[in-house]
Protein backbone atom coordinates (compact mmCIF):
# COMPACT_ATOMS: atom_id res chain seq x y z
CA MET A 1 25.82 18.24 -26.17
CA PRO A 2 24.51 16.66 -22.52
CA GLY A 3 23.77 19.42 -20.30
CA ALA A 4 24.63 22.56 -22.35
CA SER A 5 22.51 24.69 -24.09
CA GLU A 6 21.99 25.10 -28.01
CA GLN A 7 24.20 28.28 -28.04
CA THR A 8 27.17 26.19 -26.94
CA ARG A 9 30.21 26.60 -29.08
CA PRO A 10 33.77 25.14 -29.28
CA ILE A 11 36.23 27.56 -28.07
CA LYS A 12 38.99 28.38 -30.37
CA ILE A 13 41.12 31.17 -29.19
CA ILE A 14 41.77 32.36 -25.40
CA ASN A 15 43.09 35.53 -24.26
CA ALA A 16 43.79 36.51 -20.71
CA ASN A 17 44.75 39.69 -18.97
CA TRP A 18 45.72 40.73 -15.52
CA THR A 19 45.68 43.97 -14.02
CA ALA A 20 47.69 44.44 -10.98
CA GLY A 21 46.22 45.39 -7.78
CA PRO A 22 48.04 47.44 -4.91
CA ASP A 23 51.20 45.27 -3.36
CA GLY A 24 50.10 42.37 -1.81
CA ASP A 25 46.54 42.09 -3.49
CA HIS A 26 46.08 39.41 -6.21
CA GLY A 27 45.09 41.83 -9.18
CA ARG A 28 42.23 40.76 -11.75
CA PHE A 29 42.01 38.59 -14.24
CA GLU A 30 39.70 38.58 -17.10
CA VAL A 31 39.32 36.09 -19.74
CA MET A 32 38.28 36.40 -23.38
CA PHE A 33 36.90 33.38 -24.99
CA ILE A 34 36.19 33.35 -29.00
CA THR A 35 34.23 30.99 -30.07
CA ASP A 36 34.25 29.40 -33.56
CA ASP A 37 31.78 31.34 -34.70
CA ASP A 38 33.97 34.40 -34.00
CA GLN A 39 31.81 36.04 -30.92
CA PRO A 40 33.95 37.40 -27.77
CA HIS A 41 32.74 36.23 -24.81
CA VAL A 42 34.22 37.82 -21.39
CA ALA A 43 34.85 36.36 -17.82
CA ALA A 44 36.64 37.54 -14.73
CA PRO A 45 37.81 34.72 -12.92
CA SER A 46 39.67 34.41 -9.58
CA PRO A 47 43.18 33.83 -9.16
CA GLU A 48 42.23 30.28 -8.19
CA ALA A 49 39.90 29.54 -10.95
CA MET A 50 42.42 31.22 -13.22
CA THR A 51 45.04 28.33 -12.31
CA ALA A 52 42.54 25.79 -13.03
CA LEU A 53 41.56 27.50 -16.68
CA ILE A 54 45.30 27.53 -17.32
CA ALA A 55 45.45 23.78 -16.34
CA LEU A 56 42.75 22.83 -18.80
CA THR A 57 43.90 25.00 -21.74
CA GLN A 58 47.24 22.90 -21.52
CA ALA A 59 45.43 19.54 -21.53
CA ASP A 60 44.05 17.66 -24.52
CA THR A 61 40.61 18.72 -24.16
CA VAL A 62 38.04 20.22 -26.09
CA LEU A 63 36.97 23.25 -24.74
CA LEU A 64 33.11 24.55 -25.23
CA TRP A 65 31.38 28.33 -24.21
CA ASP A 66 27.95 28.28 -23.29
CA PRO A 67 26.96 31.88 -22.73
CA SER A 68 23.12 31.11 -21.64
CA GLY A 69 24.73 29.75 -18.26
CA ARG A 70 28.32 31.33 -18.39
CA THR A 71 29.75 27.99 -18.19
CA LEU A 72 33.05 26.58 -19.40
CA ILE A 73 32.85 23.02 -20.78
CA ALA A 74 35.86 20.73 -20.66
CA ALA A 75 35.30 17.67 -22.70
CA ASN A 76 37.62 14.49 -23.13
CA VAL A 77 39.44 15.01 -20.08
CA ILE A 78 39.16 11.20 -20.13
CA GLY A 79 38.47 9.43 -22.97
CA ALA A 80 36.12 10.84 -25.94
CA MET A 81 32.46 11.97 -26.38
CA PRO A 82 31.18 10.94 -29.75
CA TRP A 83 29.70 14.71 -30.20
CA THR A 84 33.53 16.28 -29.73
CA GLN A 85 34.66 14.46 -32.97
CA SER A 86 33.75 17.79 -35.15
CA ALA A 87 34.82 19.63 -31.99
CA GLN A 88 38.74 19.66 -31.87
CA PRO A 89 41.31 20.73 -29.22
CA SER A 90 43.44 23.80 -30.06
CA PRO A 91 45.18 23.57 -33.53
CA LEU A 92 48.53 24.80 -31.89
CA GLY A 93 50.79 22.16 -30.39
CA LYS A 94 51.23 22.05 -26.77
CA GLU A 95 54.82 23.84 -27.33
CA GLU A 96 53.34 26.53 -29.29
CA ARG A 97 50.23 27.17 -26.89
CA LEU A 98 52.92 27.83 -24.31
CA SER A 99 55.16 30.14 -26.01
CA GLY A 100 52.11 32.00 -27.66
CA GLY A 101 52.82 30.64 -30.99
CA SER A 102 55.44 31.49 -33.54
């Protein structure tokens, strides 16, 4: 895929933790991406970046993780790239993603 390393893999699971900080503080977010080869990858986005990340997970996009550049790739934001045909969006429906599954 253009601009990505050979290690880039589709994401199949995203988990997030938030640890509260002192009152008035934003706290700390940690996100774990599990790629289709069952490898976990961890990042600690800012609260602002976390807002964007949540929006991307709710859209009908294909999310990929490039561990060599620690880069999240959101494909098919508008339209579809041919190389994403085998990398499908989350198998969960939008309602299931919002509620955390059934």
